[in-house]
PDB file of N, CA and C in Angstrom:
ATOM      1  N   UNK A   1      17.595 127.636 103.084  1.00  0.00           N
ATOM      2  CA  UNK A   1      17.811 128.743 101.841  1.00  0.00           C
ATOM      3  C   UNK A   1      19.120 129.107 101.595  1.00  0.00           C
ATOM      4  N   UNK A   2      19.559 129.033 100.224  1.00  0.00           N
ATOM      5  CA  UNK A   2      20.936 129.576  99.921  1.00  0.00           C
ATOM      6  C   UNK A   2      20.939 130.970  99.763  1.00  0.00           C
ATOM      7  N   UNK A   3      22.119 131.542  99.991  1.00  0.00           N
ATOM      8  CA  UNK A   3      22.480 132.915  99.945  1.00  0.00           C
ATOM      9  C   UNK A   3      21.997 133.576  98.486  1.00  0.00           C
ATOM     10  N   UNK A   4      22.092 132.879  97.406  1.00  0.00           N
ATOM     11  CA  UNK A   4      21.642 133.209  96.073  1.00  0.00           C
ATOM     12  C   UNK A   4      20.113 133.367  96.079  1.00  0.00           C
ATOM     13  N   UNK A   5      19.550 132.308  96.448  1.00  0.00           N
ATOM     14  CA  UNK A   5      17.938 132.471  96.767  1.00  0.00           C
ATOM     15  C   UNK A   5      17.451 133.486  97.526  1.00  0.00           C
ATOM     16  N   UNK A   6      18.154 133.795  98.736  1.00  0.00           N
ATOM     17  CA  UNK A   6      17.811 134.970  99.523  1.00  0.00           C
ATOM     18  C   UNK A   6      18.037 136.122  98.783  1.00  0.00           C
ATOM     19  N   UNK A   7      19.046 136.424  98.202  1.00  0.00           N
ATOM     20  CA  UNK A   7      19.291 137.684  97.316  1.00  0.00           C
ATOM     21  C   UNK A   7      18.344 137.974  96.237  1.00  0.00           C
ATOM     22  N   UNK A   8      17.831 136.890  95.855  1.00  0.00           N
ATOM     23  CA  UNK A   8      16.790 137.044  94.682  1.00  0.00           C
ATOM     24  C   UNK A   8      15.462 137.056  95.192  1.00  0.00           C
ATOM     25  N   UNK A   9      15.151 137.074  96.403  1.00  0.00           N
ATOM     26  CA  UNK A   9      13.854 137.236  96.907  1.00  0.00           C
ATOM     27  C   UNK A   9      13.439 138.825  96.573  1.00  0.00           C
ATOM     28  N   UNK A  10      12.060 138.754  96.211  1.00  0.00           N
ATOM     29  CA  UNK A  10      11.503 140.227  95.865  1.00  0.00           C
ATOM     30  C   UNK A  10      11.051 140.815  97.253  1.00  0.00           C
ATOM     31  N   UNK A  11      11.516 142.155  97.299  1.00  0.00           N
ATOM     32  CA  UNK A  11      11.113 142.929  98.465  1.00  0.00           C
ATOM     33  C   UNK A  11       9.480 142.826  98.832  1.00  0.00           C
ATOM     34  N   UNK A  12       9.245 142.773 100.097  1.00  0.00           N
ATOM     35  CA  UNK A  12       7.877 142.813 100.519  1.00  0.00           C
ATOM     36  C   UNK A  12       7.542 144.143 100.998  1.00  0.00           C
ATOM     37  N   UNK A  13       6.306 144.603 100.368  1.00  0.00           N
ATOM     38  CA  UNK A  13       5.834 146.081 100.492  1.00  0.00           C
ATOM     39  C   UNK A  13       5.559 146.284 101.863  1.00  0.00           C
ATOM     40  N   UNK A  14       4.913 145.503 102.656  1.00  0.00           N
ATOM     41  CA  UNK A  14       4.319 145.695 103.992  1.00  0.00           C
ATOM     42  C   UNK A  14       5.307 144.887 105.081  1.00  0.00           C
ATOM     43  N   UNK A  15       6.439 145.000 104.860  1.00  0.00           N
ATOM     44  CA  UNK A  15       7.371 144.350 105.713  1.00  0.00           C
ATOM     45  C   UNK A  15       7.247 144.587 107.051  1.00  0.00           C
ATOM     46  N   UNK A  16       6.866 146.089 107.440  1.00  0.00           N
ATOM     47  CA  UNK A  16       6.742 146.475 108.650  1.00  0.00           C
ATOM     48  C   UNK A  16       5.883 145.844 109.494  1.00  0.00           C
ATOM     49  N   UNK A  17       4.677 145.760 108.890  1.00  0.00           N
ATOM     50  CA  UNK A  17       3.365 145.055 109.409  1.00  0.00           C
ATOM     51  C   UNK A  17       3.727 143.708 109.573  1.00  0.00           C
ATOM     52  N   UNK A  18       4.226 142.990 108.760  1.00  0.00           N
ATOM     53  CA  UNK A  18       4.500 141.594 108.945  1.00  0.00           C
ATOM     54  C   UNK A  18       5.488 141.403 110.278  1.00  0.00           C
ATOM     55  N   UNK A  19       6.478 142.181 110.236  1.00  0.00           N
ATOM     56  CA  UNK A  19       7.441 142.099 111.448  1.00  0.00           C
ATOM     57  C   UNK A  19       6.628 142.270 112.841  1.00  0.00           C
ATOM     58  N   UNK A  20       5.727 143.238 112.770  1.00  0.00           N
ATOM     59  CA  UNK A  20       4.917 143.427 113.994  1.00  0.00           C
ATOM     60  C   UNK A  20       4.146 142.389 114.193  1.00  0.00           C
ATOM     61  N   UNK A  21       3.400 141.564 113.184  1.00  0.00           N
ATOM     62  CA  UNK A  21       2.506 140.591 113.275  1.00  0.00           C
ATOM     63  C   UNK A  21       3.386 139.359 113.985  1.00  0.00           C
ATOM     64  N   UNK A  22       4.455 139.137 113.481  1.00  0.00           N
ATOM     65  CA  UNK A  22       5.281 138.003 114.044  1.00  0.00           C
ATOM     66  C   UNK A  22       5.840 138.170 115.355  1.00  0.00           C
ATOM     67  N   UNK A  23       6.238 139.334 115.586  1.00  0.00           N
ATOM     68  CA  UNK A  23       6.731 139.663 116.966  1.00  0.00           C
ATOM     69  C   UNK A  23       5.488 139.318 117.969  1.00  0.00           C
ATOM     70  N   UNK A  24       4.204 139.844 117.754  1.00  0.00           N
ATOM     71  CA  UNK A  24       3.194 139.380 118.553  1.00  0.00           C
ATOM     72  C   UNK A  24       3.046 137.944 118.785  1.00  0.00           C
ATOM     73  N   UNK A  25       3.048 137.115 117.592  1.00  0.00           N
ATOM     74  CA  UNK A  25       2.922 135.645 117.631  1.00  0.00           C
ATOM     75  C   UNK A  25       4.147 135.224 118.484  1.00  0.00           C
ATOM     76  N   UNK A  26       5.284 135.739 118.366  1.00  0.00           N
ATOM     77  CA  UNK A  26       6.497 135.157 119.180  1.00  0.00           C
ATOM     78  C   UNK A  26       6.273 135.292 120.461  1.00  0.00           C
ATOM     79  N   UNK A  27       5.849 136.638 120.973  1.00  0.00           N
ATOM     80  CA  UNK A  27       5.578 136.910 122.303  1.00  0.00           C
ATOM     81  C   UNK A  27       4.336 136.034 122.931  1.00  0.00           C
ATOM     82  N   UNK A  28       3.392 135.745 122.165  1.00  0.00           N
ATOM     83  CA  UNK A  28       2.358 134.808 122.694  1.00  0.00           C
ATOM     84  C   UNK A  28       2.958 133.380 122.932  1.00  0.00           C
ATOM     85  N   UNK A  29       3.834 132.947 121.919  1.00  0.00           N
ATOM     86  CA  UNK A  29       4.281 131.670 121.908  1.00  0.00           C
ATOM     87  C   UNK A  29       5.406 131.455 123.105  1.00  0.00           C
ATOM     88  N   UNK A  30       5.978 132.728 123.673  1.00  0.00           N
ATOM     89  CA  UNK A  30       6.847 132.585 124.765  1.00  0.00           C
ATOM     90  C   UNK A  30       6.003 132.224 126.210  1.00  0.00           C
ATOM     91  N   UNK A  31       4.740 132.589 126.113  1.00  0.00           N
ATOM     92  CA  UNK A  31       3.716 132.337 127.137  1.00  0.00           C
ATOM     93  C   UNK A  31       3.003 131.036 127.235  1.00  0.00           C
ATOM     94  N   UNK A  32       3.331 130.177 126.207  1.00  0.00           N
ATOM     95  CA  UNK A  32       2.466 129.039 125.955  1.00  0.00           C
ATOM     96  C   UNK A  32       2.476 127.987 127.094  1.00  0.00           C
ATOM     97  N   UNK A  33       3.589 128.017 127.843  1.00  0.00           N
ATOM     98  CA  UNK A  33       3.747 127.049 128.828  1.00  0.00           C
ATOM     99  C   UNK A  33       2.757 127.379 130.054  1.00  0.00           C
ATOM    100  N   UNK A  34       2.847 128.888 130.410  1.00  0.00           N
ATOM    101  CA  UNK A  34       2.033 129.268 131.460  1.00  0.00           C
ATOM    102  C   UNK A  34       0.549 129.040 131.026  1.00  0.00           C
ATOM    103  N   UNK A  35       0.166 129.460 129.797  1.00  0.00           N
ATOM    104  CA  UNK A  35      -1.221 129.254 129.447  1.00  0.00           C
ATOM    105  C   UNK A  35      -1.545 127.694 129.534  1.00  0.00           C
ATOM    106  N   UNK A  36      -0.853 126.898 129.004  1.00  0.00           N
ATOM    107  CA  UNK A  36      -1.142 125.426 129.123  1.00  0.00           C
ATOM    108  C   UNK A  36      -1.074 124.945 130.457  1.00  0.00           C
ATOM    109  N   UNK A  37      -0.614 125.420 131.548  1.00  0.00           N
ATOM    110  CA  UNK A  37      -0.280 124.930 132.682  1.00  0.00           C
ATOM    111  C   UNK A  37      -1.449 125.622 133.612  1.00  0.00           C
ATOM    112  N   UNK A  38      -2.344 126.360 133.033  1.00  0.00           N
ATOM    113  CA  UNK A  38      -3.417 126.694 133.807  1.00  0.00           C
ATOM    114  C   UNK A  38      -4.618 125.763 133.973  1.00  0.00           C
ATOM    115  N   UNK A  39      -5.290 125.576 134.947  1.00  0.00           N
ATOM    116  CA  UNK A  39      -6.319 124.709 135.139  1.00  0.00           C
ATOM    117  C   UNK A  39      -7.565 125.128 134.053  1.00  0.00           C
ATOM    118  N   UNK A  40      -8.197 123.945 133.603  1.00  0.00           N
ATOM    119  CA  UNK A  40      -9.309 124.180 132.709  1.00  0.00           C
ATOM    120  C   UNK A  40     -10.314 124.999 133.411  1.00  0.00           C
ATOM    121  N   UNK A  41     -11.114 125.629 132.511  1.00  0.00           N
ATOM    122  CA  UNK A  41     -12.254 126.562 133.115  1.00  0.00           C
ATOM    123  C   UNK A  41     -13.393 125.730 133.646  1.00  0.00           C
ATOM    124  N   UNK A  42     -13.931 126.176 134.735  1.00  0.00           N
ATOM    125  CA  UNK A  42     -14.929 125.306 135.310  1.00  0.00           C
ATOM    126  C   UNK A  42     -16.271 125.358 134.594  1.00  0.00           C
ATOM    127  N   UNK A  43     -17.049 124.422 134.742  1.00  0.00           N
ATOM    128  CA  UNK A  43     -18.349 124.404 134.013  1.00  0.00           C
ATOM    129  C   UNK A  43     -19.319 124.849 135.140  1.00  0.00           C
ATOM    130  N   UNK A  44     -20.371 125.494 134.531  1.00  0.00           N
ATOM    131  CA  UNK A  44     -21.648 125.742 135.459  1.00  0.00           C
ATOM    132  C   UNK A  44     -22.947 125.386 134.800  1.00  0.00           C
ATOM    133  N   UNK A  45     -23.903 125.399 135.497  1.00  0.00           N
ATOM    134  CA  UNK A  45     -25.241 125.148 135.067  1.00  0.00           C
ATOM    135  C   UNK A  45     -25.893 126.235 134.754  1.00  0.00           C
ATOM    136  N   UNK A  46     -26.583 126.529 133.600  1.00  0.00           N
ATOM    137  CA  UNK A  46     -27.411 127.728 133.351  1.00  0.00           C
ATOM    138  C   UNK A  46     -28.717 127.406 133.840  1.00  0.00           C
ATOM    139  N   UNK A  47     -29.518 128.494 134.671  1.00  0.00           N
ATOM    140  CA  UNK A  47     -30.602 128.314 135.265  1.00  0.00           C
ATOM    141  C   UNK A  47     -31.581 128.117 134.124  1.00  0.00           C
ATOM    142  N   UNK A  48     -32.560 127.253 134.513  1.00  0.00           N
ATOM    143  CA  UNK A  48     -33.546 127.064 133.512  1.00  0.00           C
ATOM    144  C   UNK A  48     -34.461 128.406 133.501  1.00  0.00           C
ATOM    145  N   UNK A  49     -34.864 128.696 132.214  1.00  0.00           N
ATOM    146  CA  UNK A  49     -35.818 129.871 131.843  1.00  0.00           C
ATOM    147  C   UNK A  49     -37.108 129.502 132.153  1.00  0.00           C
ATOM    148  N   UNK A  50     -37.864 130.378 132.682  1.00  0.00           N
ATOM    149  CA  UNK A  50     -39.268 130.155 133.111  1.00  0.00           C
ATOM    150  C   UNK A  50     -40.150 129.655 131.925  1.00  0.00           C
ATOM    151  N   UNK A  51     -40.969 128.858 132.174  1.00  0.00           N
ATOM    152  CA  UNK A  51     -41.727 128.342 131.072  1.00  0.00           C
ATOM    153  C   UNK A  51     -42.662 129.742 130.312  1.00  0.00           C
ATOM    154  N   UNK A  52     -42.817 129.571 129.029  1.00  0.00           N
ATOM    155  CA  UNK A  52     -43.463 130.582 128.283  1.00  0.00           C
ATOM    156  C   UNK A  52     -42.583 131.951 128.138  1.00  0.00           C
ATOM    157  N   UNK A  53     -41.329 131.847 128.432  1.00  0.00           N
ATOM    158  CA  UNK A  53     -40.496 133.279 128.277  1.00  0.00           C
ATOM    159  C   UNK A  53     -40.362 133.557 126.777  1.00  0.00           C
ATOM    160  N   UNK A  54     -40.402 132.627 125.914  1.00  0.00           N
ATOM    161  CA  UNK A  54     -40.289 132.791 124.446  1.00  0.00           C
ATOM    162  C   UNK A  54     -41.472 133.788 124.091  1.00  0.00           C
ATOM    163  N   UNK A  55     -42.531 133.224 124.491  1.00  0.00           N
ATOM    164  CA  UNK A  55     -43.838 133.796 123.861  1.00  0.00           C
ATOM    165  C   UNK A  55     -44.084 135.260 124.715  1.00  0.00           C
ATOM    166  N   UNK A  56     -43.447 135.363 125.852  1.00  0.00           N
ATOM    167  CA  UNK A  56     -43.540 136.679 126.569  1.00  0.00           C
ATOM    168  C   UNK A  56     -42.557 137.714 125.829  1.00  0.00           C
ATOM    169  N   UNK A  57     -41.518 137.200 125.155  1.00  0.00           N
ATOM    170  CA  UNK A  57     -40.535 138.166 124.665  1.00  0.00           C
ATOM    171  C   UNK A  57     -40.869 138.281 123.171  1.00  0.00           C
ATOM    172  N   UNK A  58     -41.699 137.549 122.636  1.00  0.00           N
ATOM    173  CA  UNK A  58     -42.398 137.814 121.209  1.00  0.00           C
ATOM    174  C   UNK A  58     -43.450 138.740 121.377  1.00  0.00           C
ATOM    175  N   UNK A  59     -44.023 139.103 122.447  1.00  0.00           N
ATOM    176  CA  UNK A  59     -45.027 139.934 122.228  1.00  0.00           C
ATOM    177  C   UNK A  59     -44.848 141.400 121.889  1.00  0.00           C
ATOM    178  N   UNK A  60     -45.761 142.054 121.374  1.00  0.00           N
ATOM    179  CA  UNK A  60     -45.807 143.247 120.702  1.00  0.00           C
ATOM    180  C   UNK A  60     -46.312 144.230 121.745  1.00  0.00           C
ATOM    181  N   UNK A  61     -46.217 145.477 121.419  1.00  0.00           N
ATOM    182  CA  UNK A  61     -46.879 146.657 122.175  1.00  0.00           C
ATOM    183  C   UNK A  61     -48.441 146.415 122.063  1.00  0.00           C
ATOM    184  N   UNK A  62     -48.843 146.073 120.911  1.00  0.00           N
ATOM    185  CA  UNK A  62     -50.217 145.979 120.531  1.00  0.00           C
ATOM    186  C   UNK A  62     -50.914 144.745 121.394  1.00  0.00           C
ATOM    187  N   UNK A  63     -50.036 143.641 121.544  1.00  0.00           N
ATOM    188  CA  UNK A  63     -50.582 142.521 122.290  1.00  0.00           C
ATOM    189  C   UNK A  63     -50.678 143.019 123.973  1.00  0.00           C
ATOM    190  N   UNK A  64     -49.677 143.661 124.366  1.00  0.00           N
ATOM    191  CA  UNK A  64     -49.491 144.049 125.638  1.00  0.00           C
ATOM    192  C   UNK A  64     -50.790 145.031 125.950  1.00  0.00           C
ATOM    193  N   UNK A  65     -51.098 145.939 125.109  1.00  0.00           N
ATOM    194  CA  UNK A  65     -52.192 146.811 125.245  1.00  0.00           C
ATOM    195  C   UNK A  65     -53.473 145.952 125.157  1.00  0.00           C
ATOM    196  N   UNK A  66     -53.676 145.051 124.289  1.00  0.00           N
ATOM    197  CA  UNK A  66     -54.891 144.319 124.296  1.00  0.00           C
ATOM    198  C   UNK A  66     -55.102 143.427 125.768  1.00  0.00           C
ATOM    199  N   UNK A  67     -53.873 143.014 126.173  1.00  0.00           N
ATOM    200  CA  UNK A  67     -54.122 142.284 127.403  1.00  0.00           C
ATOM    201  C   UNK A  67     -54.486 143.313 128.663  1.00  0.00           C
ATOM    202  N   UNK A  68     -53.729 144.480 128.745  1.00  0.00           N
ATOM    203  CA  UNK A  68     -54.279 145.545 129.695  1.00  0.00           C
ATOM    204  C   UNK A  68     -55.612 145.962 129.469  1.00  0.00           C
ATOM    205  N   UNK A  69     -56.138 146.058 128.153  1.00  0.00           N
ATOM    206  CA  UNK A  69     -57.510 146.318 127.997  1.00  0.00           C
ATOM    207  C   UNK A  69     -58.562 145.255 128.550  1.00  0.00           C
ATOM    208  N   UNK A  70     -58.202 143.975 128.316  1.00  0.00           N
ATOM    209  CA  UNK A  70     -58.803 142.947 128.980  1.00  0.00           C
ATOM    210  C   UNK A  70     -58.927 142.933 130.553  1.00  0.00           C
ATOM    211  N   UNK A  71     -57.806 143.197 130.850  1.00  0.00           N
ATOM    212  CA  UNK A  71     -57.705 143.262 132.468  1.00  0.00           C
ATOM    213  C   UNK A  71     -58.635 144.420 133.127  1.00  0.00           C
ATOM    214  N   UNK A  72     -58.567 145.563 132.286  1.00  0.00           N
ATOM    215  CA  UNK A  72     -59.330 146.685 132.859  1.00  0.00           C
ATOM    216  C   UNK A  72     -60.720 146.373 132.696  1.00  0.00           C
ATOM    217  N   UNK A  73     -61.096 145.689 131.583  1.00  0.00           N
ATOM    218  CA  UNK A  73     -62.657 145.341 131.519  1.00  0.00           C
ATOM    219  C   UNK A  73     -63.106 144.275 132.553  1.00  0.00           C
ATOM    220  N   UNK A  74     -62.057 143.307 132.757  1.00  0.00           N
ATOM    221  CA  UNK A  74     -62.481 142.300 133.911  1.00  0.00           C
ATOM    222  C   UNK A  74     -62.695 142.942 135.203  1.00  0.00           C
ATOM    223  N   UNK A  75     -61.726 143.915 135.449  1.00  0.00           N
ATOM    224  CA  UNK A  75     -61.822 144.805 136.850  1.00  0.00           C
ATOM    225  C   UNK A  75     -63.234 145.418 136.692  1.00  0.00           C
ATOM    226  N   UNK A  76     -63.520 146.244 135.751  1.00  0.00           N
ATOM    227  CA  UNK A  76     -64.687 146.976 135.701  1.00  0.00           C
ATOM    228  C   UNK A  76     -66.043 145.939 135.919  1.00  0.00           C
ATOM    229  N   UNK A  77     -65.829 144.723 135.311  1.00  0.00           N
ATOM    230  CA  UNK A  77     -66.931 143.744 135.443  1.00  0.00           C
ATOM    231  C   UNK A  77     -67.003 143.322 136.922  1.00  0.00           C
ATOM    232  N   UNK A  78     -65.952 143.219 137.603  1.00  0.00           N
ATOM    233  CA  UNK A  78     -65.864 142.792 139.007  1.00  0.00           C
ATOM    234  C   UNK A  78     -66.443 143.701 140.028  1.00  0.00           C
ATOM    235  N   UNK A  79     -66.712 144.960 139.467  1.00  0.00           N
ATOM    236  CA  UNK A  79     -67.403 145.930 140.228  1.00  0.00           C
ATOM    237  C   UNK A  79     -68.690 146.396 139.686  1.00  0.00           C
ATOM    238  N   UNK A  80     -69.481 145.485 138.988  1.00  0.00           N
ATOM    239  CA  UNK A  80     -70.605 145.819 138.121  1.00  0.00           C
ATOM    240  C   UNK A  80     -70.500 147.222 137.346  1.00  0.00           C
ATOM    241  N   UNK A  81     -69.433 147.382 136.609  1.00  0.00           N
ATOM    242  CA  UNK A  81     -69.277 148.522 136.008  1.00  0.00           C
ATOM    243  C   UNK A  81     -68.995 148.131 134.301  1.00  0.00           C
ATOM    244  N   UNK A  82     -69.481 147.084 134.167  1.00  0.00           N
ATOM    245  CA  UNK A  82     -69.065 146.611 132.799  1.00  0.00           C
ATOM    246  C   UNK A  82     -69.506 147.529 131.750  1.00  0.00           C
ATOM    247  N   UNK A  83     -70.795 148.177 131.797  1.00  0.00           N
ATOM    248  CA  UNK A  83     -71.347 149.024 130.928  1.00  0.00           C
ATOM    249  C   UNK A  83     -71.105 150.607 131.367  1.00  0.00           C
ATOM    250  N   UNK A  84     -70.202 151.160 130.681  1.00  0.00           N
ATOM    251  CA  UNK A  84     -69.934 152.543 131.015  1.00  0.00           C
ATOM    252  C   UNK A  84     -68.899 152.812 132.177  1.00  0.00           C
ATOM    253  N   UNK A  85     -68.138 151.705 132.460  1.00  0.00           N
ATOM    254  CA  UNK A  85     -66.975 151.979 133.499  1.00  0.00           C
ATOM    255  C   UNK A  85     -65.994 152.761 133.064  1.00  0.00           C
ATOM    256  N   UNK A  86     -65.572 152.571 131.820  1.00  0.00           N
ATOM    257  CA  UNK A  86     -64.712 153.259 131.204  1.00  0.00           C
ATOM    258  C   UNK A  86     -64.967 154.856 130.973  1.00  0.00           C
ATOM    259  N   UNK A  87     -66.121 155.039 130.954  1.00  0.00           N
ATOM    260  CA  UNK A  87     -66.482 156.661 130.726  1.00  0.00           C
ATOM    261  C   UNK A  87     -66.660 157.083 132.127  1.00  0.00           C
ATOM    262  N   UNK A  88     -66.819 156.345 133.127  1.00  0.00           N
ATOM    263  CA  UNK A  88     -66.882 156.874 134.516  1.00  0.00           C
ATOM    264  C   UNK A  88     -65.398 157.264 134.831  1.00  0.00           C
ATOM    265  N   UNK A  89     -64.539 156.374 134.611  1.00  0.00           N
ATOM    266  CA  UNK A  89     -62.980 156.710 134.943  1.00  0.00           C
ATOM    267  C   UNK A  89     -62.633 157.870 134.082  1.00  0.00           C
ATOM    268  N   UNK A  90     -63.023 157.878 132.744  1.00  0.00           N
ATOM    269  CA  UNK A  90     -62.577 159.017 131.950  1.00  0.00           C
ATOM    270  C   UNK A  90     -62.883 160.368 132.612  1.00  0.00           C
ATOM    271  N   UNK A  91     -64.415 160.469 132.735  1.00  0.00           N
ATOM    272  CA  UNK A  91     -64.944 161.509 133.464  1.00  0.00           C
ATOM    273  C   UNK A  91     -64.265 161.911 134.823  1.00  0.00           C
ATOM    274  N   UNK A  92     -64.040 161.022 135.671  1.00  0.00           N
ATOM    275  CA  UNK A  92     -63.343 161.253 136.878  1.00  0.00           C
ATOM    276  C   UNK A  92     -61.997 161.670 136.544  1.00  0.00           C
ATOM    277  N   UNK A  93     -61.122 161.288 135.505  1.00  0.00           N
ATOM    278  CA  UNK A  93     -59.968 161.732 135.221  1.00  0.00           C
ATOM    279  C   UNK A  93     -60.081 163.362 134.879  1.00  0.00           C
ATOM    280  N   UNK A  94     -60.845 163.676 134.162  1.00  0.00           N
ATOM    281  CA  UNK A  94     -61.223 165.096 133.695  1.00  0.00           C
ATOM    282  C   UNK A  94     -61.394 166.084 135.075  1.00  0.00           C
ATOM    283  N   UNK A  95     -62.287 165.507 136.070  1.00  0.00           N
ATOM    284  CA  UNK A  95     -62.374 166.363 137.217  1.00  0.00           C
ATOM    285  C   UNK A  95     -61.207 166.386 138.006  1.00  0.00           C
ATOM    286  N   UNK A  96     -60.341 165.331 138.198  1.00  0.00           N
ATOM    287  CA  UNK A  96     -59.223 165.206 138.815  1.00  0.00           C
ATOM    288  C   UNK A  96     -58.257 166.254 138.053  1.00  0.00           C
ATOM    289  N   UNK A  97     -58.167 166.381 136.759  1.00  0.00           N
ATOM    290  CA  UNK A  97     -57.032 167.164 136.130  1.00  0.00           C
ATOM    291  C   UNK A  97     -57.539 168.529 136.351  1.00  0.00           C
ATOM    292  N   UNK A  98     -58.829 168.883 136.314  1.00  0.00           N
ATOM    293  CA  UNK A  98     -59.246 170.371 136.526  1.00  0.00           C
ATOM    294  C   UNK A  98     -58.860 170.822 138.022  1.00  0.00           C
ATOM    295  N   UNK A  99     -58.989 169.909 138.908  1.00  0.00           N
ATOM    296  CA  UNK A  99     -58.500 170.339 140.223  1.00  0.00           C
ATOM    297  C   UNK A  99     -57.247 170.535 140.377  1.00  0.00           C
ATOM    298  N   UNK A 100     -56.389 169.988 139.547  1.00  0.00           N
ATOM    299  CA  UNK A 100     -54.878 170.199 139.656  1.00  0.00           C
ATOM    300  C   UNK A 100     -54.395 171.162 138.531  1.00  0.00           C
ATOM    301  N   UNK A 101     -55.359 171.718 137.703  1.00  0.00           N
ATOM    302  CA  UNK A 101     -54.863 172.606 136.627  1.00  0.00           C
ATOM    303  C   UNK A 101     -54.515 172.139 135.266  1.00  0.00           C
ATOM    304  N   UNK A 102     -54.726 170.784 135.069  1.00  0.00           N
ATOM    305  CA  UNK A 102     -54.425 170.134 133.766  1.00  0.00           C
ATOM    306  C   UNK A 102     -55.742 170.214 132.893  1.00  0.00           C
ATOM    307  N   UNK A 103     -55.264 170.352 131.536  1.00  0.00           N
ATOM    308  CA  UNK A 103     -56.389 170.161 130.558  1.00  0.00           C
ATOM    309  C   UNK A 103     -56.012 169.137 129.588  1.00  0.00           C
ATOM    310  N   UNK A 104     -56.949 168.299 129.376  1.00  0.00           N
ATOM    311  CA  UNK A 104     -56.804 167.066 128.368  1.00  0.00           C
ATOM    312  C   UNK A 104     -57.519 167.413 127.291  1.00  0.00           C
TER     313      UNK A 104
END
């Protein structure tokens, strides 16, 4: 660039920020040999996710509550409490709460 061209350049409004940016770039370039001399990163295998993990993560609280209800019904049925088992548990909880001073 000629002196005349240089003298005719328009002033840059954010020159301080540009100087800072260029200083950072020069500093990074001074370390390029060190960076390039480093060994490549090693690779590793990701463990396989359990089958069905996507479906499990998609479940909602409603779906989980439905599953819990089915499990409880199955448990009651295994103790021949299919009809009225929930009432028996509810009544028992009320007695337990009264004995420890809770009211539901």
